[in-house]
C-alpha atoms as a PDB file:
ATOM      1  CA  MET A   1    -118.560  20.178  82.958  1.00  0.00           C
ATOM      2  CA  THR A   2    -121.856  18.569  82.046  1.00  0.00           C
ATOM      3  CA  THR A   3    -122.838  18.242  78.418  1.00  0.00           C
ATOM      4  CA  ASP A   4    -126.519  17.997  79.298  1.00  0.00           C
ATOM      5  CA  HIS A   5    -128.665  21.063  78.870  1.00  0.00           C
ATOM      6  CA  LEU A   6    -132.088  22.616  78.610  1.00  0.00           C
ATOM      7  CA  GLN A   7    -132.770  24.646  75.480  1.00  0.00           C
ATOM      8  CA  LYS A   8    -135.529  27.241  75.135  1.00  0.00           C
ATOM      9  CA  TYR A   9    -137.123  28.694  72.010  1.00  0.00           C
ATOM     10  CA  LEU A  10    -140.023  30.991  71.199  1.00  0.00           C
ATOM     11  CA  LEU A  11    -142.091  31.112  68.052  1.00  0.00           C
ATOM     12  CA  GLU A  12    -141.484  34.410  66.305  1.00  0.00           C
ATOM     13  CA  ASP A  13    -144.913  35.762  67.273  1.00  0.00           C
ATOM     14  CA  ARG A  14    -144.141  34.861  70.915  1.00  0.00           C
ATOM     15  CA  SER A  15    -147.288  32.807  71.183  1.00  0.00           C
ATOM     16  CA  THR A  16    -145.646  29.522  72.113  1.00  0.00           C
ATOM     17  CA  ARG A  17    -142.721  28.464  74.260  1.00  0.00           C
ATOM     18  CA  ILE A  18    -140.720  25.441  73.056  1.00  0.00           C
ATOM     19  CA  GLN A  19    -138.246  23.648  75.315  1.00  0.00           C
ATOM     20  CA  THR A  20    -136.062  20.577  75.001  1.00  0.00           C
ATOM     21  CA  VAL A  21    -134.017  18.761  77.614  1.00  0.00           C
ATOM     22  CA  ASP A  22    -131.430  16.077  76.999  1.00  0.00           C
ATOM     23  CA  LEU A  23    -130.050  14.053  79.926  1.00  0.00           C
ATOM     24  CA  THR A  24    -127.272  11.586  79.207  1.00  0.00           C
ATOM     25  CA  GLU A  25    -124.387  12.165  81.615  1.00  0.00           C
ATOM     26  CA  THR A  26    -126.850  13.341  84.265  1.00  0.00           C
ATOM     27  CA  TRP A  27    -129.065  10.309  83.821  1.00  0.00           C
ATOM     28  CA  LEU A  28    -126.192   7.805  83.848  1.00  0.00           C
ATOM     29  CA  THR A  29    -124.887   9.402  87.045  1.00  0.00           C
ATOM     30  CA  GLY A  30    -128.309   9.030  88.636  1.00  0.00           C
ATOM     31  CA  LEU A  31    -128.447   5.343  87.695  1.00  0.00           C
ATOM     32  CA  ALA A  32    -124.845   4.548  88.662  1.00  0.00           C
ATOM     33  CA  HIS A  33    -125.736   2.983  92.033  1.00  0.00           C
ATOM     34  CA  GLN A  34    -129.325   1.975  91.320  1.00  0.00           C
ATOM     35  CA  SER A  35    -130.962  -1.032  89.698  1.00  0.00           C
ATOM     36  CA  TYR A  36    -134.617  -0.699  88.795  1.00  0.00           C
ATOM     37  CA  PRO A  37    -136.902  -2.797  86.594  1.00  0.00           C
ATOM     38  CA  PRO A  38    -136.722  -1.274  83.084  1.00  0.00           C
ATOM     39  CA  VAL A  39    -140.313  -0.018  83.135  1.00  0.00           C
ATOM     40  CA  VAL A  40    -139.689   1.754  86.477  1.00  0.00           C
ATOM     41  CA  ARG A  41    -136.313   3.097  85.326  1.00  0.00           C
ATOM     42  CA  ASP A  42    -137.873   4.602  82.204  1.00  0.00           C
ATOM     43  CA  LEU A  43    -140.691   6.153  84.224  1.00  0.00           C
ATOM     44  CA  LEU A  44    -138.151   7.748  86.558  1.00  0.00           C
ATOM     45  CA  GLY A  45    -136.176   9.099  83.584  1.00  0.00           C
ATOM     46  CA  GLN A  46    -139.299  10.664  82.127  1.00  0.00           C
ATOM     47  CA  LEU A  47    -140.101  12.346  85.427  1.00  0.00           C
ATOM     48  CA  CYS A  48    -136.515  13.653  85.688  1.00  0.00           C
ATOM     49  CA  ALA A  49    -136.769  15.200  82.217  1.00  0.00           C
ATOM     50  CA  ALA A  50    -140.178  16.664  83.071  1.00  0.00           C
ATOM     51  CA  SER A  51    -138.906  18.216  86.304  1.00  0.00           C
ATOM     52  CA  VAL A  52    -136.223  20.146  84.409  1.00  0.00           C
ATOM     53  CA  LEU A  53    -138.693  21.347  81.780  1.00  0.00           C
ATOM     54  CA  LEU A  54    -141.051  22.674  84.462  1.00  0.00           C
ATOM     55  CA  ALA A  55    -138.483  24.004  86.955  1.00  0.00           C
ATOM     56  CA  SER A  56    -136.863  26.182  84.313  1.00  0.00           C
ATOM     57  CA  ASN A  57    -140.076  28.224  84.020  1.00  0.00           C
ATOM     58  CA  ILE A  58    -140.518  28.925  87.736  1.00  0.00           C
ATOM     59  CA  LYS A  59    -139.303  32.348  88.785  1.00  0.00           C
ATOM     60  CA  PHE A  60    -138.065  31.604  92.287  1.00  0.00           C
ATOM     61  CA  ASN A  61    -135.027  30.331  94.157  1.00  0.00           C
ATOM     62  CA  GLY A  62    -135.725  26.907  95.563  1.00  0.00           C
ATOM     63  CA  SER A  63    -136.689  23.417  94.530  1.00  0.00           C
ATOM     64  CA  LEU A  64    -139.471  21.850  92.499  1.00  0.00           C
ATOM     65  CA  VAL A  65    -140.458  18.399  93.710  1.00  0.00           C
ATOM     66  CA  LEU A  66    -142.574  16.071  91.571  1.00  0.00           C
ATOM     67  CA  GLN A  67    -143.909  13.166  93.572  1.00  0.00           C
ATOM     68  CA  LEU A  68    -145.964  10.182  92.472  1.00  0.00           C
ATOM     69  CA  GLN A  69    -147.504   8.224  95.351  1.00  0.00           C
ATOM     70  CA  GLY A  70    -148.720   4.861  94.138  1.00  0.00           C
ATOM     71  CA  ASP A  71    -150.929   2.089  95.459  1.00  0.00           C
ATOM     72  CA  GLY A  72    -149.440  -0.588  93.192  1.00  0.00           C
ATOM     73  CA  PRO A  73    -145.956  -2.132  92.902  1.00  0.00           C
ATOM     74  CA  LEU A  74    -144.452   1.373  92.756  1.00  0.00           C
ATOM     75  CA  ALA A  75    -145.026   2.998  96.146  1.00  0.00           C
ATOM     76  CA  LEU A  76    -143.207   6.286  95.634  1.00  0.00           C
ATOM     77  CA  ILE A  77    -141.206   8.116  93.015  1.00  0.00           C
ATOM     78  CA  VAL A  78    -139.728  11.519  93.816  1.00  0.00           C
ATOM     79  CA  VAL A  79    -137.700  13.901  91.672  1.00  0.00           C
ATOM     80  CA  GLU A  80    -136.287  17.153  93.053  1.00  0.00           C
ATOM     81  CA  CYS A  81    -134.965  19.850  90.702  1.00  0.00           C
ATOM     82  CA  GLN A  82    -133.281  22.979  92.035  1.00  0.00           C
ATOM     83  CA  SER A  83    -133.361  26.452  90.476  1.00  0.00           C
ATOM     84  CA  ASP A  84    -129.908  25.834  88.996  1.00  0.00           C
ATOM     85  CA  LEU A  85    -131.305  22.698  87.263  1.00  0.00           C
ATOM     86  CA  SER A  86    -129.434  20.256  89.466  1.00  0.00           C
ATOM     87  CA  LEU A  87    -131.562  17.250  90.268  1.00  0.00           C
ATOM     88  CA  ARG A  88    -131.798  14.069  92.276  1.00  0.00           C
ATOM     89  CA  ALA A  89    -134.409  11.326  92.455  1.00  0.00           C
ATOM     90  CA  THR A  90    -135.463   8.221  94.339  1.00  0.00           C
ATOM     91  CA  VAL A  91    -137.836   5.283  93.960  1.00  0.00           C
ATOM     92  CA  GLN A  92    -139.499   3.018  96.525  1.00  0.00           C
ATOM     93  CA  LEU A  93    -140.912  -0.291  95.350  1.00  0.00           C
ATOM     94  CA  ARG A  94    -143.193  -2.597  97.312  1.00  0.00           C
ATOM     95  CA  GLN A  95    -140.945  -5.607  97.661  1.00  0.00           C
ATOM     96  CA  GLU A  96    -143.876  -7.980  98.104  1.00  0.00           C
ATOM     97  CA  LEU A  97    -145.266  -7.064  94.663  1.00  0.00           C
ATOM     98  CA  VAL A  98    -143.763  -8.037  91.320  1.00  0.00           C
ATOM     99  CA  VAL A  99    -143.262  -5.421  88.599  1.00  0.00           C
ATOM    100  CA  PRO A 100    -144.371  -7.010  85.307  1.00  0.00           C
ATOM    101  CA  ASP A 101    -142.296  -6.190  82.234  1.00  0.00           C
ATOM    102  CA  ASN A 102    -145.434  -4.924  80.496  1.00  0.00           C
ATOM    103  CA  ALA A 103    -146.682  -2.876  83.451  1.00  0.00           C
ATOM    104  CA  THR A 104    -148.525   0.309  82.511  1.00  0.00           C
ATOM    105  CA  PHE A 105    -148.371   3.692  84.199  1.00  0.00           C
ATOM    106  CA  GLN A 106    -151.741   3.153  85.850  1.00  0.00           C
ATOM    107  CA  SER A 107    -151.070  -0.443  86.945  1.00  0.00           C
ATOM    108  CA  LEU A 108    -147.781   0.588  88.531  1.00  0.00           C
ATOM    109  CA  LEU A 109    -149.124   3.561  90.453  1.00  0.00           C
ATOM    110  CA  ASN A 110    -152.905   3.645  90.474  1.00  0.00           C
ATOM    111  CA  SER A 111    -154.179   0.074  90.317  1.00  0.00           C
ATOM    112  CA  ASN A 112    -156.712   0.710  93.118  1.00  0.00           C
ATOM    113  CA  GLY A 113    -157.506   4.312  92.256  1.00  0.00           C
ATOM    114  CA  ASN A 114    -155.634   5.756  95.240  1.00  0.00           C
ATOM    115  CA  GLY A 115    -152.539   7.071  93.459  1.00  0.00           C
ATOM    116  CA  ARG A 116    -151.708  10.757  93.776  1.00  0.00           C
ATOM    117  CA  PHE A 117    -149.536  13.219  91.918  1.00  0.00           C
ATOM    118  CA  ILE A 118    -148.055  15.956  94.095  1.00  0.00           C
ATOM    119  CA  VAL A 119    -146.200  19.105  93.067  1.00  0.00           C
ATOM    120  CA  ILE A 120    -144.203  20.892  95.783  1.00  0.00           C
ATOM    121  CA  LEU A 121    -142.507  24.281  95.470  1.00  0.00           C
ATOM    122  CA  ASP A 122    -140.064  24.796  98.325  1.00  0.00           C
ATOM    123  CA  PRO A 123    -138.378  28.252  98.423  1.00  0.00           C
ATOM    124  CA  ALA A 124    -134.743  28.266  99.507  1.00  0.00           C
ATOM    125  CA  ASP A 125    -135.436  31.280 101.758  1.00  0.00           C
ATOM    126  CA  ARG A 126    -138.550  29.804 103.392  1.00  0.00           C
ATOM    127  CA  GLN A 127    -139.241  31.511 106.703  1.00  0.00           C
ATOM    128  CA  GLU A 128    -139.732  29.638 109.960  1.00  0.00           C
ATOM    129  CA  GLY A 129    -143.266  28.302 110.073  1.00  0.00           C
ATOM    130  CA  GLN A 130    -143.825  28.910 106.376  1.00  0.00           C
ATOM    131  CA  GLN A 131    -145.059  25.849 104.544  1.00  0.00           C
ATOM    132  CA  PRO A 132    -143.971  25.018 100.993  1.00  0.00           C
ATOM    133  CA  TYR A 133    -146.641  25.232  98.296  1.00  0.00           C
ATOM    134  CA  GLN A 134    -148.198  21.850  97.615  1.00  0.00           C
ATOM    135  CA  GLY A 135    -150.620  20.930  94.864  1.00  0.00           C
ATOM    136  CA  VAL A 136    -152.306  17.526  94.709  1.00  0.00           C
ATOM    137  CA  VAL A 137    -154.105  16.226  91.648  1.00  0.00           C
ATOM    138  CA  PRO A 138    -155.640  12.867  90.705  1.00  0.00           C
ATOM    139  CA  MET A 139    -153.478  10.572  88.634  1.00  0.00           C
ATOM    140  CA  GLN A 140    -155.397  11.073  85.392  1.00  0.00           C
ATOM    141  CA  GLY A 141    -153.761   9.828  82.218  1.00  0.00           C
ATOM    142  CA  ASP A 142    -151.722   6.932  80.920  1.00  0.00           C
ATOM    143  CA  SER A 143    -148.283   8.535  81.252  1.00  0.00           C
ATOM    144  CA  VAL A 144    -146.236  11.069  83.190  1.00  0.00           C
ATOM    145  CA  ALA A 145    -146.722  13.506  80.307  1.00  0.00           C
ATOM    146  CA  GLN A 146    -150.520  13.244  80.394  1.00  0.00           C
ATOM    147  CA  VAL A 147    -150.688  13.683  84.173  1.00  0.00           C
ATOM    148  CA  LEU A 148    -148.486  16.777  83.954  1.00  0.00           C
ATOM    149  CA  GLU A 149    -150.491  18.244  81.081  1.00  0.00           C
ATOM    150  CA  HIS A 150    -153.642  17.806  83.166  1.00  0.00           C
ATOM    151  CA  TYR A 151    -151.965  19.455  86.160  1.00  0.00           C
ATOM    152  CA  MET A 152    -150.741  22.452  84.153  1.00  0.00           C
ATOM    153  CA  LYS A 153    -154.169  23.003  82.625  1.00  0.00           C
ATOM    154  CA  GLN A 154    -156.088  22.665  85.901  1.00  0.00           C
ATOM    155  CA  SER A 155    -153.683  24.354  88.309  1.00  0.00           C
ATOM    156  CA  GLU A 156    -151.777  26.855  86.191  1.00  0.00           C
ATOM    157  CA  GLN A 157    -154.384  27.496  83.444  1.00  0.00           C
ATOM    158  CA  LEU A 158    -151.677  26.971  80.825  1.00  0.00           C
ATOM    159  CA  ASP A 159    -152.162  24.920  77.675  1.00  0.00           C
ATOM    160  CA  THR A 160    -149.161  22.598  77.759  1.00  0.00           C
ATOM    161  CA  ARG A 161    -148.066  19.627  75.670  1.00  0.00           C
ATOM    162  CA  ILE A 162    -145.250  17.361  76.838  1.00  0.00           C
ATOM    163  CA  TRP A 163    -143.386  14.500  75.169  1.00  0.00           C
ATOM    164  CA  LEU A 164    -141.049  12.377  77.324  1.00  0.00           C
ATOM    165  CA  ALA A 165    -138.838   9.367  76.653  1.00  0.00           C
ATOM    166  CA  ALA A 166    -136.194   7.442  78.574  1.00  0.00           C
ATOM    167  CA  ASN A 167    -134.206   4.226  78.515  1.00  0.00           C
ATOM    168  CA  GLY A 168    -131.093   2.954  80.244  1.00  0.00           C
ATOM    169  CA  SER A 169    -128.784   5.537  78.702  1.00  0.00           C
ATOM    170  CA  ARG A 170    -130.834   8.659  78.057  1.00  0.00           C
ATOM    171  CA  ALA A 171    -133.791  10.713  79.287  1.00  0.00           C
ATOM    172  CA  THR A 172    -135.220  13.450  77.122  1.00  0.00           C
ATOM    173  CA  GLY A 173    -138.236  15.686  76.762  1.00  0.00           C
ATOM    174  CA  LEU A 174    -140.003  18.317  74.677  1.00  0.00           C
ATOM    175  CA  LEU A 175    -142.434  20.896  76.039  1.00  0.00           C
ATOM    176  CA  LEU A 176    -144.795  23.227  74.188  1.00  0.00           C
ATOM    177  CA  GLN A 177    -146.610  25.868  76.181  1.00  0.00           C
ATOM    178  CA  ARG A 178    -149.017  28.484  74.980  1.00  0.00           C
ATOM    179  CA  LEU A 179    -148.172  31.865  76.479  1.00  0.00           C
ATOM    180  CA  PRO A 180    -150.890  34.247  77.686  1.00  0.00           C
ATOM    181  CA  ASP A 181    -152.028  36.985  75.325  1.00  0.00           C
ATOM    182  CA  HIS A 182    -151.408  40.426  76.811  1.00  0.00           C
ATOM    183  CA  GLY A 183    -153.630  43.130  75.426  1.00  0.00           C
ATOM    184  CA  GLY A 184    -153.337  42.199  71.762  1.00  0.00           C
ATOM    185  CA  THR A 185    -156.010  42.657  69.139  1.00  0.00           C
ATOM    186  CA  ALA A 186    -158.530  39.981  68.258  1.00  0.00           C
ATOM    187  CA  GLU A 187    -156.500  39.380  65.105  1.00  0.00           C
ATOM    188  CA  ASP A 188    -153.353  38.829  67.206  1.00  0.00           C
ATOM    189  CA  THR A 189    -155.223  36.390  69.435  1.00  0.00           C
ATOM    190  CA  GLU A 190    -156.416  34.429  66.425  1.00  0.00           C
ATOM    191  CA  THR A 191    -152.918  34.367  64.940  1.00  0.00           C
ATOM    192  CA  HIS A 192    -151.437  33.144  68.210  1.00  0.00           C
ATOM    193  CA  HIS A 193    -154.078  30.428  68.436  1.00  0.00           C
ATOM    194  CA  GLU A 194    -153.213  29.265  64.932  1.00  0.00           C
ATOM    195  CA  SER A 195    -149.505  29.227  65.805  1.00  0.00           C
ATOM    196  CA  TRP A 196    -150.174  27.144  68.907  1.00  0.00           C
ATOM    197  CA  GLN A 197    -152.308  24.700  66.958  1.00  0.00           C
ATOM    198  CA  ARG A 198    -149.707  24.393  64.209  1.00  0.00           C
ATOM    199  CA  ALA A 199    -146.853  23.779  66.658  1.00  0.00           C
ATOM    200  CA  GLY A 200    -148.857  21.021  68.328  1.00  0.00           C
ATOM    201  CA  ILE A 201    -149.632  19.326  65.026  1.00  0.00           C
ATOM    202  CA  LEU A 202    -145.953  19.396  64.044  1.00  0.00           C
ATOM    203  CA  ALA A 203    -144.770  18.029  67.402  1.00  0.00           C
ATOM    204  CA  GLN A 204    -147.447  15.336  67.377  1.00  0.00           C
ATOM    205  CA  THR A 205    -145.442  13.494  64.720  1.00  0.00           C
ATOM    206  CA  LEU A 206    -142.588  12.942  67.176  1.00  0.00           C
ATOM    207  CA  THR A 207    -141.917   9.309  68.120  1.00  0.00           C
ATOM    208  CA  THR A 208    -140.235   7.832  71.179  1.00  0.00           C
ATOM    209  CA  GLN A 209    -137.611   6.211  68.976  1.00  0.00           C
ATOM    210  CA  GLU A 210    -136.727   9.577  67.428  1.00  0.00           C
ATOM    211  CA  MET A 211    -136.427  11.195  70.833  1.00  0.00           C
ATOM    212  CA  LEU A 212    -134.014   8.529  72.069  1.00  0.00           C
ATOM    213  CA  SER A 213    -131.891   8.345  68.928  1.00  0.00           C
ATOM    214  CA  GLU A 214    -131.665  11.945  67.673  1.00  0.00           C
ATOM    215  CA  SER A 215    -130.283  15.085  69.309  1.00  0.00           C
ATOM    216  CA  PRO A 216    -132.791  17.735  70.405  1.00  0.00           C
ATOM    217  CA  ASP A 217    -131.269  20.177  67.894  1.00  0.00           C
ATOM    218  CA  THR A 218    -131.947  17.716  65.100  1.00  0.00           C
ATOM    219  CA  LEU A 219    -135.524  17.183  66.239  1.00  0.00           C
ATOM    220  CA  ILE A 220    -136.250  20.906  66.544  1.00  0.00           C
ATOM    221  CA  HIS A 221    -134.917  21.469  63.031  1.00  0.00           C
ATOM    222  CA  ARG A 222    -136.912  18.527  61.690  1.00  0.00           C
ATOM    223  CA  LEU A 223    -140.154  19.650  63.328  1.00  0.00           C
ATOM    224  CA  PHE A 224    -139.966  23.423  63.003  1.00  0.00           C
ATOM    225  CA  TRP A 225    -137.701  24.063  60.025  1.00  0.00           C
ATOM    226  CA  GLU A 226    -140.320  26.324  58.454  1.00  0.00           C
ATOM    227  CA  GLU A 227    -140.902  28.278  61.682  1.00  0.00           C
ATOM    228  CA  PRO A 228    -138.652  31.254  62.559  1.00  0.00           C
ATOM    229  CA  LEU A 229    -137.550  30.570  66.137  1.00  0.00           C
ATOM    230  CA  LEU A 230    -136.046  32.844  68.775  1.00  0.00           C
ATOM    231  CA  THR A 231    -133.286  30.814  70.441  1.00  0.00           C
ATOM    232  CA  PHE A 232    -132.011  31.362  73.983  1.00  0.00           C
ATOM    233  CA  GLU A 233    -128.745  30.392  75.641  1.00  0.00           C
ATOM    234  CA  PRO A 234    -128.756  26.739  76.758  1.00  0.00           C
ATOM    235  CA  GLN A 235    -128.830  26.060  80.498  1.00  0.00           C
ATOM    236  CA  PRO A 236    -126.671  23.241  81.926  1.00  0.00           C
ATOM    237  CA  VAL A 237    -128.288  20.380  83.824  1.00  0.00           C
ATOM    238  CA  ARG A 238    -126.516  18.097  86.279  1.00  0.00           C
ATOM    239  CA  TRP A 239    -127.160  15.386  88.836  1.00  0.00           C
ATOM    240  CA  PHE A 240    -126.429  16.444  92.393  1.00  0.00           C
ATOM    241  CA  CYS A 241    -127.015  14.572  95.628  1.00  0.00           C
ATOM    242  CA  PRO A 242    -125.674  16.241  98.788  1.00  0.00           C
ATOM    243  CA  CYS A 243    -124.864  12.967 100.543  1.00  0.00           C
ATOM    244  CA  THR A 244    -121.291  12.680 101.868  1.00  0.00           C
ATOM    245  CA  ARG A 245    -119.381  10.183 103.965  1.00  0.00           C
ATOM    246  CA  GLU A 246    -119.359  12.707 106.815  1.00  0.00           C
ATOM    247  CA  ARG A 247    -123.138  13.106 106.756  1.00  0.00           C
ATOM    248  CA  VAL A 248    -123.611   9.341 106.806  1.00  0.00           C
ATOM    249  CA  ALA A 249    -121.138   9.104 109.697  1.00  0.00           C
ATOM    250  CA  ASN A 250    -123.086  11.682 111.672  1.00  0.00           C
ATOM    251  CA  MET A 251    -126.268   9.727 111.061  1.00  0.00           C
ATOM    252  CA  LEU A 252    -124.585   6.561 112.369  1.00  0.00           C
ATOM    253  CA  LYS A 253    -123.480   8.464 115.490  1.00  0.00           C
ATOM    254  CA  MET A 254    -127.128   9.318 116.137  1.00  0.00           C
ATOM    255  CA  LEU A 255    -127.933   5.599 116.275  1.00  0.00           C
ATOM    256  CA  GLY A 256    -125.647   5.314 119.287  1.00  0.00           C
ATOM    257  CA  GLN A 257    -122.611   3.240 120.103  1.00  0.00           C
ATOM    258  CA  ALA A 258    -124.586   0.257 121.446  1.00  0.00           C
ATOM    259  CA  GLU A 259    -126.638  -0.054 118.246  1.00  0.00           C
ATOM    260  CA  ILE A 260    -123.543   0.208 116.034  1.00  0.00           C
ATOM    261  CA  GLU A 261    -121.702  -2.420 118.101  1.00  0.00           C
ATOM    262  CA  SER A 262    -124.737  -4.681 117.820  1.00  0.00           C
ATOM    263  CA  ILE A 263    -124.637  -4.399 114.026  1.00  0.00           C
ATOM    264  CA  LEU A 264    -120.889  -5.089 114.003  1.00  0.00           C
ATOM    265  CA  SER A 265    -121.381  -8.200 116.141  1.00  0.00           C
ATOM    266  CA  GLU A 266    -123.549  -9.656 113.368  1.00  0.00           C
ATOM    267  CA  GLN A 267    -121.474  -8.453 110.432  1.00  0.00           C
ATOM    268  CA  GLU A 268    -117.915  -7.196 110.132  1.00  0.00           C
ATOM    269  CA  LYS A 269    -118.880  -3.754 108.852  1.00  0.00           C
ATOM    270  CA  VAL A 270    -121.797  -1.367 108.511  1.00  0.00           C
ATOM    271  CA  ASP A 271    -122.936  -0.966 104.914  1.00  0.00           C
ATOM    272  CA  ILE A 272    -125.389   1.802 104.126  1.00  0.00           C
ATOM    273  CA  ALA A 273    -126.598   3.459 100.932  1.00  0.00           C
ATOM    274  CA  CYS A 274    -128.007   6.929 100.317  1.00  0.00           C
ATOM    275  CA  ASN A 275    -131.794   6.830 100.042  1.00  0.00           C
ATOM    276  CA  PHE A 276    -131.684   9.150  97.050  1.00  0.00           C
ATOM    277  CA  CYS A 277    -128.745   8.292  94.841  1.00  0.00           C
ATOM    278  CA  GLY A 278    -127.988   4.812  96.164  1.00  0.00           C
ATOM    279  CA  LYS A 279    -124.298   5.599  96.654  1.00  0.00           C
ATOM    280  CA  PRO A 280    -122.838   2.982  99.023  1.00  0.00           C
ATOM    281  CA  TYR A 281    -120.846   3.793 102.147  1.00  0.00           C
ATOM    282  CA  SER A 282    -118.995   1.227 104.261  1.00  0.00           C
ATOM    283  CA  PHE A 283    -117.721   1.611 107.837  1.00  0.00           C
ATOM    284  CA  ASP A 284    -115.530  -1.093 109.354  1.00  0.00           C
ATOM    285  CA  ALA A 285    -114.972  -1.607 113.094  1.00  0.00           C
ATOM    286  CA  ILE A 286    -112.158   0.950 113.229  1.00  0.00           C
ATOM    287  CA  ASP A 287    -114.251   3.555 111.379  1.00  0.00           C
ATOM    288  CA  CYS A 288    -117.129   2.974 113.780  1.00  0.00           C
ATOM    289  CA  ALA A 289    -114.896   3.227 116.852  1.00  0.00           C
ATOM    290  CA  ARG A 290    -113.610   6.587 115.647  1.00  0.00           C
ATOM    291  CA  LEU A 291    -117.191   7.904 115.520  1.00  0.00           C
ATOM    292  CA  PHE A 292    -117.410   7.824 119.295  1.00  0.00           C
ATOM    293  CA  ILE A 293    -113.947   9.088 120.234  1.00  0.00           C
ATOM    294  CA  ASP A 294    -114.065  12.709 121.376  1.00  0.00           C
ATOM    295  CA  GLY A 295    -111.948  14.993 119.266  1.00  0.00           C
ATOM    296  CA  GLN A 296    -111.769  12.586 116.358  1.00  0.00           C
ATOM    297  CA  SER A 297    -113.177  13.409 112.947  1.00  0.00           C
ATOM    298  CA  SER A 298    -116.489  11.671 112.332  1.00  0.00           C
ATOM    299  CA  ALA A 299    -115.329  10.441 108.965  1.00  0.00           C
ATOM    300  CA  ASP A 300    -112.174  10.053 106.942  1.00  0.00           C
ATOM    301  CA  PRO A 301    -112.766  12.075 103.733  1.00  0.00           C
ATOM    302  CA  ASP A 302    -109.858  10.315 102.040  1.00  0.00           C
ATOM    303  CA  LYS A 303    -111.194   6.839 102.636  1.00  0.00           C
ATOM    304  CA  PRO A 304    -112.525   5.471  99.333  1.00  0.00           C
ATOM    305  CA  VAL A 305    -116.142   4.446  98.951  1.00  0.00           C
ATOM    306  CA  GLU A 306    -116.540   0.697  98.567  1.00  0.00           C
ATOM    307  CA  HIS A 307    -118.600  -0.456  95.592  1.00  0.00           C
END
């Protein structure tokens, strides 16, 4: 059972939504088979935290995909978060380009001005021929948080503030979102505006170091201890990649027996890793032979994964 969760709050006047997400077990699982430069790893962690914060507010059954397409050393970064807050992610680097330790968000992804940020909503019950919703916005800002704030303001007309932080052991985030006023008086509107402004000023004091060292509960208490908050039940978050040994085996079968035998002639086994989670799978000559024997299982579920 995962210990990671998303927590939602509302200011008492219901003017502002407050959300926190804390990924530790989930994040370590996602990194278990991957090795990224620290600056790329932290960027991926921030996007993972952001995807949970945003997906939890979408009223539909399906997946939210946040995708950064870059024209620098970082070619592609994709995070997919399902309605049940299970997520997976992947990164593609341009091997011919070096990732400097001090690389910035813009130099990694938008060094030539051609980077794009894409939001995709893909319903689980999408009908044949129906296309998922896709929104594309310029990569404006110096961080994942700034790009997302710009997107939410331009595309969703929602005032949103986001704080994100990640390192090798944790990814975390805080979201503030001003909720629409529905038929209140001018006095109510003014009060709600003041509440939104006050919440932003309080959260603005938050530092990256605090986010990575303190629990979200501690931070919420520290920031909003004078604000009466409505607290909701926490929602669990987990890492989930649907790759299995059987699926990889079926993919190898599609390559054909001649291609597999060619690979085996050069090396004693076929080693392959999931594009998303990086989990390694190894098939020796006997495993590969079994793939093409009628009536035989395409994979041995009891065979351990080699690391």
